[in-house]
Amino acid sequence: MDLFNLAANLLGSVAPTVVSALAGKEAGAMVATLSNVLLGKPNGTEAEVAKALSNATPEQLAEIKRIESVERIKIAEIEKDDRVDARELQVASLTSNDWVVRRFLYQFSWFWAAMCSVYFFCVTFLPMPPGGKDFALTILGFLLGTAIGAVVNFWYGKSSE
């Protein structure tokens, strides 16, 4: 069994962020961190780490849980910084002397809302060519789930957690 699947089985409910890091672009760093915790050296192979993980002591699992907490804090800081940057960008655009820059987000939102409404009307009330139903429903699903969802999430926020 590879390291990711083993970690997902053993740590999935205890340290899901650690498991996610093993699947992402930070996998090498997380393997080194786990190697340091489980083997006492940062350069253990995936096989060594997987074997040590399957025989981990309660103290080692507690340290992995601490690493989970540190990773969650890092992610929360990145998300906070992202929101701060977005707010600063919005303030800068609203104080711009260029009327297009000041109104771009409003115009962009209205454009997508209007285009989605026109499409909804056309799909609902106009005759559809044979074989076009699946294509039209795919586009409709995209517009409802992505375009309109993004506009609403931008203006009103999202409640993902």
N, C-alpha and C. Protein backbone atom coordinates (compact mmCIF):
# COMPACT_ATOMS: atom_id res chain seq x y z
N MET A 1 0.86 -1.18 0.00
CA MET A 1 0.00 0.00 0.00
C MET A 1 0.90 1.24 0.00
N ASP A 2 0.58 2.22 -0.85
CA ASP A 2 1.41 3.42 -0.91
C ASP A 2 1.13 4.34 0.28
N LEU A 3 2.01 5.32 0.46
CA LEU A 3 1.95 6.19 1.62
C LEU A 3 0.64 6.98 1.69
N PHE A 4 0.19 7.50 0.55
CA PHE A 4 -1.04 8.30 0.56
C PHE A 4 -2.24 7.49 1.02
N ASN A 5 -2.43 6.30 0.45
CA ASN A 5 -3.57 5.46 0.83
C ASN A 5 -3.49 5.02 2.28
N LEU A 6 -2.29 4.69 2.73
CA LEU A 6 -2.12 4.31 4.13
C LEU A 6 -2.45 5.48 5.05
N ALA A 7 -1.93 6.66 4.70
CA ALA A 7 -2.21 7.85 5.51
C ALA A 7 -3.69 8.19 5.49
N ALA A 8 -4.32 8.04 4.33
CA ALA A 8 -5.75 8.32 4.24
C ALA A 8 -6.55 7.38 5.14
N ASN A 9 -6.15 6.12 5.20
CA ASN A 9 -6.85 5.16 6.05
C ASN A 9 -6.58 5.41 7.52
N LEU A 10 -5.33 5.69 7.89
CA LEU A 10 -4.97 5.84 9.30
C LEU A 10 -5.24 7.24 9.85
N LEU A 11 -5.03 8.26 9.01
CA LEU A 11 -5.10 9.64 9.50
C LEU A 11 -6.26 10.43 8.92
N GLY A 12 -7.07 9.84 8.07
CA GLY A 12 -8.13 10.57 7.37
C GLY A 12 -9.05 11.34 8.29
N SER A 13 -9.43 10.76 9.40
CA SER A 13 -10.34 11.47 10.32
C SER A 13 -9.59 12.25 11.38
N VAL A 14 -8.33 11.90 11.64
CA VAL A 14 -7.55 12.56 12.68
C VAL A 14 -6.81 13.79 12.14
N ALA A 15 -6.23 13.65 10.95
CA ALA A 15 -5.42 14.73 10.39
C ALA A 15 -5.66 14.85 8.88
N PRO A 16 -6.85 15.29 8.47
CA PRO A 16 -7.16 15.34 7.03
C PRO A 16 -6.30 16.33 6.25
N THR A 17 -5.85 17.40 6.89
CA THR A 17 -5.00 18.37 6.19
C THR A 17 -3.65 17.76 5.86
N VAL A 18 -3.13 16.93 6.75
CA VAL A 18 -1.86 16.24 6.48
C VAL A 18 -2.04 15.30 5.29
N VAL A 19 -3.14 14.58 5.25
CA VAL A 19 -3.42 13.67 4.14
C VAL A 19 -3.55 14.46 2.83
N SER A 20 -4.24 15.60 2.87
CA SER A 20 -4.37 16.43 1.68
C SER A 20 -3.01 16.94 1.20
N ALA A 21 -2.15 17.29 2.15
CA ALA A 21 -0.82 17.78 1.78
C ALA A 21 -0.01 16.68 1.09
N LEU A 22 -0.23 15.44 1.47
CA LEU A 22 0.47 14.32 0.82
C LEU A 22 0.03 14.15 -0.63
N ALA A 23 -1.15 14.64 -0.96
CA ALA A 23 -1.67 14.51 -2.33
C ALA A 23 -1.40 15.74 -3.17
N GLY A 24 -0.93 16.83 -2.56
CA GLY A 24 -0.75 18.09 -3.28
C GLY A 24 0.69 18.39 -3.63
N LYS A 25 0.91 19.64 -3.97
CA LYS A 25 2.25 20.06 -4.39
C LYS A 25 3.24 20.12 -3.23
N GLU A 26 2.74 20.06 -2.00
CA GLU A 26 3.60 20.06 -0.82
C GLU A 26 3.91 18.64 -0.33
N ALA A 27 3.70 17.64 -1.19
CA ALA A 27 3.86 16.25 -0.76
C ALA A 27 5.27 15.96 -0.28
N GLY A 28 6.27 16.44 -0.97
CA GLY A 28 7.65 16.18 -0.57
C GLY A 28 7.96 16.74 0.80
N ALA A 29 7.51 17.97 1.07
CA ALA A 29 7.74 18.59 2.37
C ALA A 29 7.00 17.84 3.47
N MET A 30 5.78 17.38 3.17
CA MET A 30 5.02 16.66 4.19
C MET A 30 5.62 15.29 4.46
N VAL A 31 6.13 14.62 3.42
CA VAL A 31 6.81 13.34 3.63
C VAL A 31 8.03 13.55 4.51
N ALA A 32 8.78 14.63 4.27
CA ALA A 32 9.96 14.93 5.09
C ALA A 32 9.55 15.21 6.53
N THR A 33 8.45 15.93 6.72
CA THR A 33 7.96 16.22 8.07
C THR A 33 7.54 14.94 8.78
N LEU A 34 6.77 14.10 8.10
CA LEU A 34 6.36 12.82 8.69
C LEU A 34 7.57 11.93 8.96
N SER A 35 8.54 11.96 8.06
CA SER A 35 9.76 11.18 8.25
C SER A 35 10.49 11.63 9.51
N ASN A 36 10.54 12.92 9.71
CA ASN A 36 11.20 13.47 10.89
C ASN A 36 10.48 13.03 12.17
N VAL A 37 9.14 13.05 12.14
CA VAL A 37 8.35 12.66 13.31
C VAL A 37 8.44 11.15 13.57
N LEU A 38 8.31 10.37 12.52
CA LEU A 38 8.19 8.92 12.68
C LEU A 38 9.54 8.21 12.72
N LEU A 39 10.52 8.74 11.98
CA LEU A 39 11.81 8.05 11.88
C LEU A 39 12.94 8.80 12.58
N GLY A 40 12.70 10.06 12.91
CA GLY A 40 13.76 10.86 13.53
C GLY A 40 14.75 11.41 12.53
N LYS A 41 14.46 11.30 11.25
CA LYS A 41 15.32 11.85 10.20
C LYS A 41 14.44 12.40 9.08
N PRO A 42 14.84 13.52 8.46
CA PRO A 42 13.98 14.16 7.46
C PRO A 42 14.05 13.54 6.07
N ASN A 43 14.96 12.59 5.86
CA ASN A 43 15.14 12.09 4.49
C ASN A 43 14.74 10.62 4.34
N GLY A 44 13.73 10.19 5.09
CA GLY A 44 13.25 8.82 4.95
C GLY A 44 12.49 8.64 3.64
N THR A 45 12.54 7.44 3.11
CA THR A 45 11.81 7.16 1.87
C THR A 45 10.32 7.01 2.17
N GLU A 46 9.52 7.04 1.12
CA GLU A 46 8.08 6.87 1.31
C GLU A 46 7.78 5.50 1.92
N ALA A 47 8.51 4.49 1.50
CA ALA A 47 8.28 3.14 2.04
C ALA A 47 8.60 3.09 3.53
N GLU A 48 9.70 3.73 3.93
CA GLU A 48 10.06 3.76 5.35
C GLU A 48 9.02 4.51 6.17
N VAL A 49 8.56 5.65 5.61
CA VAL A 49 7.55 6.44 6.32
C VAL A 49 6.24 5.67 6.42
N ALA A 50 5.86 4.99 5.35
CA ALA A 50 4.62 4.21 5.37
C ALA A 50 4.70 3.10 6.41
N LYS A 51 5.84 2.42 6.47
CA LYS A 51 6.00 1.34 7.45
C LYS A 51 5.96 1.90 8.87
N ALA A 52 6.64 3.04 9.09
CA ALA A 52 6.64 3.65 10.42
C ALA A 52 5.26 4.17 10.79
N LEU A 53 4.53 4.66 9.82
CA LEU A 53 3.18 5.18 10.08
C LEU A 53 2.24 4.06 10.52
N SER A 54 2.38 2.91 9.90
CA SER A 54 1.51 1.79 10.28
C SER A 54 1.80 1.28 11.70
N ASN A 55 3.00 1.59 12.23
CA ASN A 55 3.37 1.18 13.58
C ASN A 55 3.57 2.38 14.50
N ALA A 56 2.91 3.49 14.21
CA ALA A 56 3.12 4.73 14.97
C ALA A 56 2.65 4.60 16.42
N THR A 57 3.39 5.23 17.30
CA THR A 57 3.04 5.24 18.72
C THR A 57 2.03 6.36 18.98
N PRO A 58 1.34 6.32 20.10
CA PRO A 58 0.41 7.42 20.43
C PRO A 58 1.10 8.79 20.48
N GLU A 59 2.35 8.82 20.94
CA GLU A 59 3.09 10.09 20.98
C GLU A 59 3.33 10.62 19.56
N GLN A 60 3.68 9.73 18.65
CA GLN A 60 3.89 10.14 17.26
C GLN A 60 2.59 10.62 16.62
N LEU A 61 1.50 9.93 16.91
CA LEU A 61 0.21 10.37 16.38
C LEU A 61 -0.19 11.72 16.95
N ALA A 62 0.13 11.97 18.22
CA ALA A 62 -0.14 13.28 18.80
C ALA A 62 0.68 14.36 18.11
N GLU A 63 1.91 14.05 17.76
CA GLU A 63 2.76 15.03 17.05
C GLU A 63 2.20 15.28 15.64
N ILE A 64 1.70 14.25 15.00
CA ILE A 64 1.08 14.43 13.68
C ILE A 64 -0.17 15.30 13.81
N LYS A 65 -0.92 15.12 14.87
CA LYS A 65 -2.09 15.97 15.12
C LYS A 65 -1.66 17.42 15.34
N ARG A 66 -0.53 17.65 16.01
CA ARG A 66 -0.01 19.00 16.19
C ARG A 66 0.39 19.60 14.84
N ILE A 67 0.98 18.78 13.98
CA ILE A 67 1.34 19.24 12.63
C ILE A 67 0.07 19.61 11.87
N GLU A 68 -0.98 18.83 12.06
CA GLU A 68 -2.28 19.14 11.44
C GLU A 68 -2.74 20.53 11.85
N SER A 69 -2.64 20.83 13.13
CA SER A 69 -3.07 22.14 13.63
C SER A 69 -2.24 23.26 13.02
N VAL A 70 -0.93 23.06 12.92
CA VAL A 70 -0.05 24.06 12.32
C VAL A 70 -0.41 24.28 10.86
N GLU A 71 -0.69 23.21 10.13
CA GLU A 71 -1.06 23.32 8.71
C GLU A 71 -2.38 24.07 8.55
N ARG A 72 -3.34 23.79 9.42
CA ARG A 72 -4.62 24.51 9.35
C ARG A 72 -4.43 26.00 9.62
N ILE A 73 -3.56 26.33 10.55
CA ILE A 73 -3.29 27.75 10.84
C ILE A 73 -2.66 28.41 9.63
N LYS A 74 -1.72 27.73 8.96
CA LYS A 74 -1.10 28.28 7.75
C LYS A 74 -2.14 28.54 6.67
N ILE A 75 -3.04 27.58 6.48
CA ILE A 75 -4.09 27.73 5.46
C ILE A 75 -5.01 28.89 5.81
N ALA A 76 -5.38 29.01 7.08
CA ALA A 76 -6.25 30.11 7.50
C ALA A 76 -5.57 31.46 7.27
N GLU A 77 -4.27 31.55 7.53
CA GLU A 77 -3.54 32.80 7.30
C GLU A 77 -3.50 33.14 5.82
N ILE A 78 -3.29 32.14 4.98
CA ILE A 78 -3.28 32.38 3.53
C ILE A 78 -4.64 32.87 3.06
N GLU A 79 -5.71 32.25 3.54
CA GLU A 79 -7.06 32.68 3.17
C GLU A 79 -7.36 34.08 3.66
N LYS A 80 -6.91 34.41 4.86
CA LYS A 80 -7.12 35.76 5.41
C LYS A 80 -6.37 36.79 4.56
N ASP A 81 -5.12 36.49 4.23
CA ASP A 81 -4.34 37.41 3.40
C ASP A 81 -4.97 37.60 2.04
N ASP A 82 -5.55 36.53 1.50
CA ASP A 82 -6.22 36.62 0.20
C ASP A 82 -7.42 37.56 0.27
N ARG A 83 -8.20 37.46 1.34
CA ARG A 83 -9.36 38.35 1.50
C ARG A 83 -8.91 39.80 1.70
N VAL A 84 -7.84 40.00 2.45
CA VAL A 84 -7.33 41.36 2.65
C VAL A 84 -6.89 41.95 1.32
N ASP A 85 -6.18 41.18 0.52
CA ASP A 85 -5.74 41.66 -0.79
C ASP A 85 -6.93 42.00 -1.68
N ALA A 86 -7.97 41.17 -1.65
CA ALA A 86 -9.15 41.42 -2.46
C ALA A 86 -9.85 42.71 -2.01
N ARG A 87 -9.93 42.93 -0.71
CA ARG A 87 -10.56 44.16 -0.21
C ARG A 87 -9.74 45.38 -0.59
N GLU A 88 -8.41 45.28 -0.49
CA GLU A 88 -7.57 46.40 -0.88
C GLU A 88 -7.71 46.72 -2.36
N LEU A 89 -7.81 45.68 -3.18
CA LEU A 89 -8.02 45.88 -4.61
C LEU A 89 -9.35 46.57 -4.88
N GLN A 90 -10.39 46.15 -4.16
CA GLN A 90 -11.71 46.76 -4.33
C GLN A 90 -11.68 48.24 -3.91
N VAL A 91 -11.04 48.54 -2.80
CA VAL A 91 -10.94 49.94 -2.35
C VAL A 91 -10.16 50.75 -3.38
N ALA A 92 -9.08 50.20 -3.90
CA ALA A 92 -8.28 50.91 -4.91
C ALA A 92 -9.10 51.16 -6.17
N SER A 93 -9.90 50.19 -6.59
CA SER A 93 -10.69 50.39 -7.81
C SER A 93 -11.80 51.41 -7.58
N LEU A 94 -12.39 51.43 -6.38
CA LEU A 94 -13.45 52.40 -6.10
C LEU A 94 -12.93 53.83 -5.98
N THR A 95 -11.67 53.99 -5.67
CA THR A 95 -11.10 55.34 -5.55
C THR A 95 -10.38 55.77 -6.83
N SER A 96 -10.45 54.94 -7.87
CA SER A 96 -9.79 55.26 -9.13
C SER A 96 -10.49 56.43 -9.82
N ASN A 97 -9.74 57.17 -10.62
CA ASN A 97 -10.30 58.27 -11.40
C ASN A 97 -10.95 57.77 -12.69
N ASP A 98 -10.67 56.54 -13.07
CA ASP A 98 -11.22 55.97 -14.30
C ASP A 98 -12.59 55.37 -14.01
N TRP A 99 -13.63 55.85 -14.68
CA TRP A 99 -14.99 55.38 -14.41
C TRP A 99 -15.17 53.92 -14.79
N VAL A 100 -14.43 53.42 -15.80
CA VAL A 100 -14.55 52.01 -16.18
C VAL A 100 -14.02 51.13 -15.04
N VAL A 101 -12.92 51.50 -14.46
CA VAL A 101 -12.34 50.73 -13.35
C VAL A 101 -13.28 50.75 -12.15
N ARG A 102 -13.84 51.91 -11.85
CA ARG A 102 -14.74 52.03 -10.69
C ARG A 102 -15.99 51.17 -10.84
N ARG A 103 -16.47 51.03 -12.06
CA ARG A 103 -17.75 50.34 -12.28
C ARG A 103 -17.61 48.94 -12.88
N PHE A 104 -16.39 48.48 -13.09
CA PHE A 104 -16.18 47.22 -13.80
C PHE A 104 -16.88 46.05 -13.11
N LEU A 105 -16.71 45.88 -11.83
CA LEU A 105 -17.32 44.74 -11.14
C LEU A 105 -18.83 44.77 -11.24
N TYR A 106 -19.42 45.94 -11.13
CA TYR A 106 -20.87 46.06 -11.26
C TYR A 106 -21.32 45.70 -12.67
N GLN A 107 -20.61 46.22 -13.66
CA GLN A 107 -20.96 45.94 -15.05
C GLN A 107 -20.75 44.47 -15.39
N PHE A 108 -19.66 43.91 -14.90
CA PHE A 108 -19.37 42.50 -15.14
C PHE A 108 -20.46 41.61 -14.52
N SER A 109 -20.86 41.93 -13.32
CA SER A 109 -21.92 41.15 -12.64
C SER A 109 -23.24 41.29 -13.38
N TRP A 110 -23.59 42.51 -13.77
CA TRP A 110 -24.83 42.72 -14.51
C TRP A 110 -24.80 42.00 -15.85
N PHE A 111 -23.64 42.03 -16.54
CA PHE A 111 -23.51 41.35 -17.82
C PHE A 111 -23.83 39.86 -17.67
N TRP A 112 -23.19 39.18 -16.70
CA TRP A 112 -23.42 37.75 -16.53
C TRP A 112 -24.85 37.47 -16.08
N ALA A 113 -25.40 38.29 -15.23
CA ALA A 113 -26.78 38.09 -14.80
C ALA A 113 -27.74 38.23 -15.99
N ALA A 114 -27.50 39.23 -16.83
CA ALA A 114 -28.35 39.44 -18.00
C ALA A 114 -28.20 38.30 -19.00
N MET A 115 -26.96 37.89 -19.28
CA MET A 115 -26.74 36.81 -20.25
C MET A 115 -27.35 35.50 -19.74
N CYS A 116 -27.22 35.23 -18.47
CA CYS A 116 -27.82 34.01 -17.91
C CYS A 116 -29.35 34.07 -18.00
N SER A 117 -29.91 35.23 -17.74
CA SER A 117 -31.37 35.37 -17.82
C SER A 117 -31.85 35.17 -19.25
N VAL A 118 -31.16 35.73 -20.21
CA VAL A 118 -31.52 35.55 -21.61
C VAL A 118 -31.42 34.07 -21.98
N TYR A 119 -30.35 33.42 -21.56
CA TYR A 119 -30.20 32.00 -21.87
C TYR A 119 -31.30 31.17 -21.22
N PHE A 120 -31.60 31.45 -19.96
CA PHE A 120 -32.69 30.73 -19.28
C PHE A 120 -33.99 30.89 -20.05
N PHE A 121 -34.29 32.11 -20.47
CA PHE A 121 -35.51 32.38 -21.22
C PHE A 121 -35.52 31.58 -22.52
N CYS A 122 -34.41 31.60 -23.26
CA CYS A 122 -34.34 30.91 -24.54
C CYS A 122 -34.51 29.40 -24.37
N VAL A 123 -33.83 28.83 -23.38
CA VAL A 123 -33.92 27.39 -23.15
C VAL A 123 -35.32 26.99 -22.72
N THR A 124 -35.97 27.87 -21.96
CA THR A 124 -37.29 27.53 -21.42
C THR A 124 -38.41 27.72 -22.45
N PHE A 125 -38.37 28.81 -23.20
CA PHE A 125 -39.52 29.17 -24.02
C PHE A 125 -39.34 29.03 -25.53
N LEU A 126 -38.15 28.93 -26.02
CA LEU A 126 -37.95 28.81 -27.46
C LEU A 126 -37.78 27.35 -27.85
N PRO A 127 -38.20 27.01 -29.08
CA PRO A 127 -38.04 25.61 -29.51
C PRO A 127 -36.55 25.23 -29.59
N MET A 128 -36.28 24.01 -29.20
CA MET A 128 -34.90 23.54 -29.18
C MET A 128 -34.69 22.56 -30.32
N PRO A 129 -33.57 22.64 -31.02
CA PRO A 129 -33.32 21.69 -32.11
C PRO A 129 -33.14 20.27 -31.57
N PRO A 130 -33.46 19.28 -32.37
CA PRO A 130 -33.31 17.90 -31.92
C PRO A 130 -31.85 17.62 -31.54
N GLY A 131 -31.66 16.93 -30.47
CA GLY A 131 -30.32 16.59 -30.02
C GLY A 131 -29.62 17.70 -29.25
N GLY A 132 -30.26 18.83 -29.09
CA GLY A 132 -29.62 19.94 -28.40
C GLY A 132 -29.95 20.02 -26.93
N LYS A 133 -30.83 19.14 -26.48
CA LYS A 133 -31.27 19.22 -25.08
C LYS A 133 -30.12 18.98 -24.10
N ASP A 134 -29.33 17.94 -24.32
CA ASP A 134 -28.23 17.65 -23.40
C ASP A 134 -27.21 18.79 -23.37
N PHE A 135 -26.90 19.33 -24.53
CA PHE A 135 -25.96 20.44 -24.63
C PHE A 135 -26.51 21.66 -23.89
N ALA A 136 -27.79 21.95 -24.09
CA ALA A 136 -28.41 23.11 -23.44
C ALA A 136 -28.45 22.93 -21.92
N LEU A 137 -28.73 21.72 -21.45
CA LEU A 137 -28.78 21.48 -20.01
C LEU A 137 -27.39 21.53 -19.39
N THR A 138 -26.36 21.12 -20.12
CA THR A 138 -24.99 21.23 -19.62
C THR A 138 -24.61 22.69 -19.43
N ILE A 139 -24.92 23.51 -20.42
CA ILE A 139 -24.64 24.95 -20.31
C ILE A 139 -25.46 25.56 -19.18
N LEU A 140 -26.71 25.17 -19.07
CA LEU A 140 -27.58 25.68 -18.01
C LEU A 140 -27.00 25.34 -16.63
N GLY A 141 -26.55 24.12 -16.46
CA GLY A 141 -25.93 23.72 -15.20
C GLY A 141 -24.68 24.52 -14.89
N PHE A 142 -23.87 24.77 -15.92
CA PHE A 142 -22.67 25.58 -15.72
C PHE A 142 -23.05 27.00 -15.30
N LEU A 143 -24.01 27.58 -16.00
CA LEU A 143 -24.39 28.96 -15.67
C LEU A 143 -24.96 29.07 -14.26
N LEU A 144 -25.81 28.12 -13.88
CA LEU A 144 -26.38 28.16 -12.54
C LEU A 144 -25.33 27.89 -11.46
N GLY A 145 -24.50 26.89 -11.68
CA GLY A 145 -23.55 26.49 -10.66
C GLY A 145 -22.30 27.33 -10.59
N THR A 146 -21.88 27.87 -11.71
CA THR A 146 -20.61 28.58 -11.73
C THR A 146 -20.78 30.08 -11.91
N ALA A 147 -21.38 30.49 -13.01
CA ALA A 147 -21.46 31.92 -13.30
C ALA A 147 -22.29 32.67 -12.27
N ILE A 148 -23.52 32.26 -12.10
CA ILE A 148 -24.40 32.94 -11.14
C ILE A 148 -23.90 32.71 -9.72
N GLY A 149 -23.43 31.49 -9.43
CA GLY A 149 -22.90 31.19 -8.11
C GLY A 149 -21.70 32.07 -7.75
N ALA A 150 -20.81 32.30 -8.71
CA ALA A 150 -19.64 33.14 -8.45
C ALA A 150 -20.05 34.58 -8.19
N VAL A 151 -21.00 35.08 -8.95
CA VAL A 151 -21.46 36.46 -8.75
C VAL A 151 -22.11 36.61 -7.37
N VAL A 152 -22.97 35.68 -7.02
CA VAL A 152 -23.64 35.74 -5.71
C VAL A 152 -22.62 35.60 -4.59
N ASN A 153 -21.68 34.66 -4.72
CA ASN A 153 -20.65 34.48 -3.68
C ASN A 153 -19.79 35.72 -3.54
N PHE A 154 -19.50 36.38 -4.64
CA PHE A 154 -18.67 37.58 -4.57
C PHE A 154 -19.38 38.69 -3.80
N TRP A 155 -20.63 38.94 -4.15
CA TRP A 155 -21.33 40.07 -3.56
C TRP A 155 -21.87 39.79 -2.16
N TYR A 156 -22.27 38.57 -1.91
CA TYR A 156 -22.89 38.26 -0.62
C TYR A 156 -22.03 37.35 0.26
N GLY A 157 -20.91 36.88 -0.24
CA GLY A 157 -20.06 35.97 0.53
C GLY A 157 -20.54 34.56 0.39
N LYS A 158 -19.75 33.65 0.93
CA LYS A 158 -20.14 32.25 0.88
C LYS A 158 -20.08 31.66 2.27
N SER A 159 -20.81 30.61 2.46
CA SER A 159 -20.84 29.96 3.77
C SER A 159 -20.38 28.53 3.62
N SER A 160 -19.10 28.36 3.27
CA SER A 160 -18.59 27.01 3.03
C SER A 160 -18.23 26.29 4.31
N GLU A 161 -18.03 27.02 5.39
CA GLU A 161 -17.67 26.34 6.64
C GLU A 161 -18.43 26.93 7.80
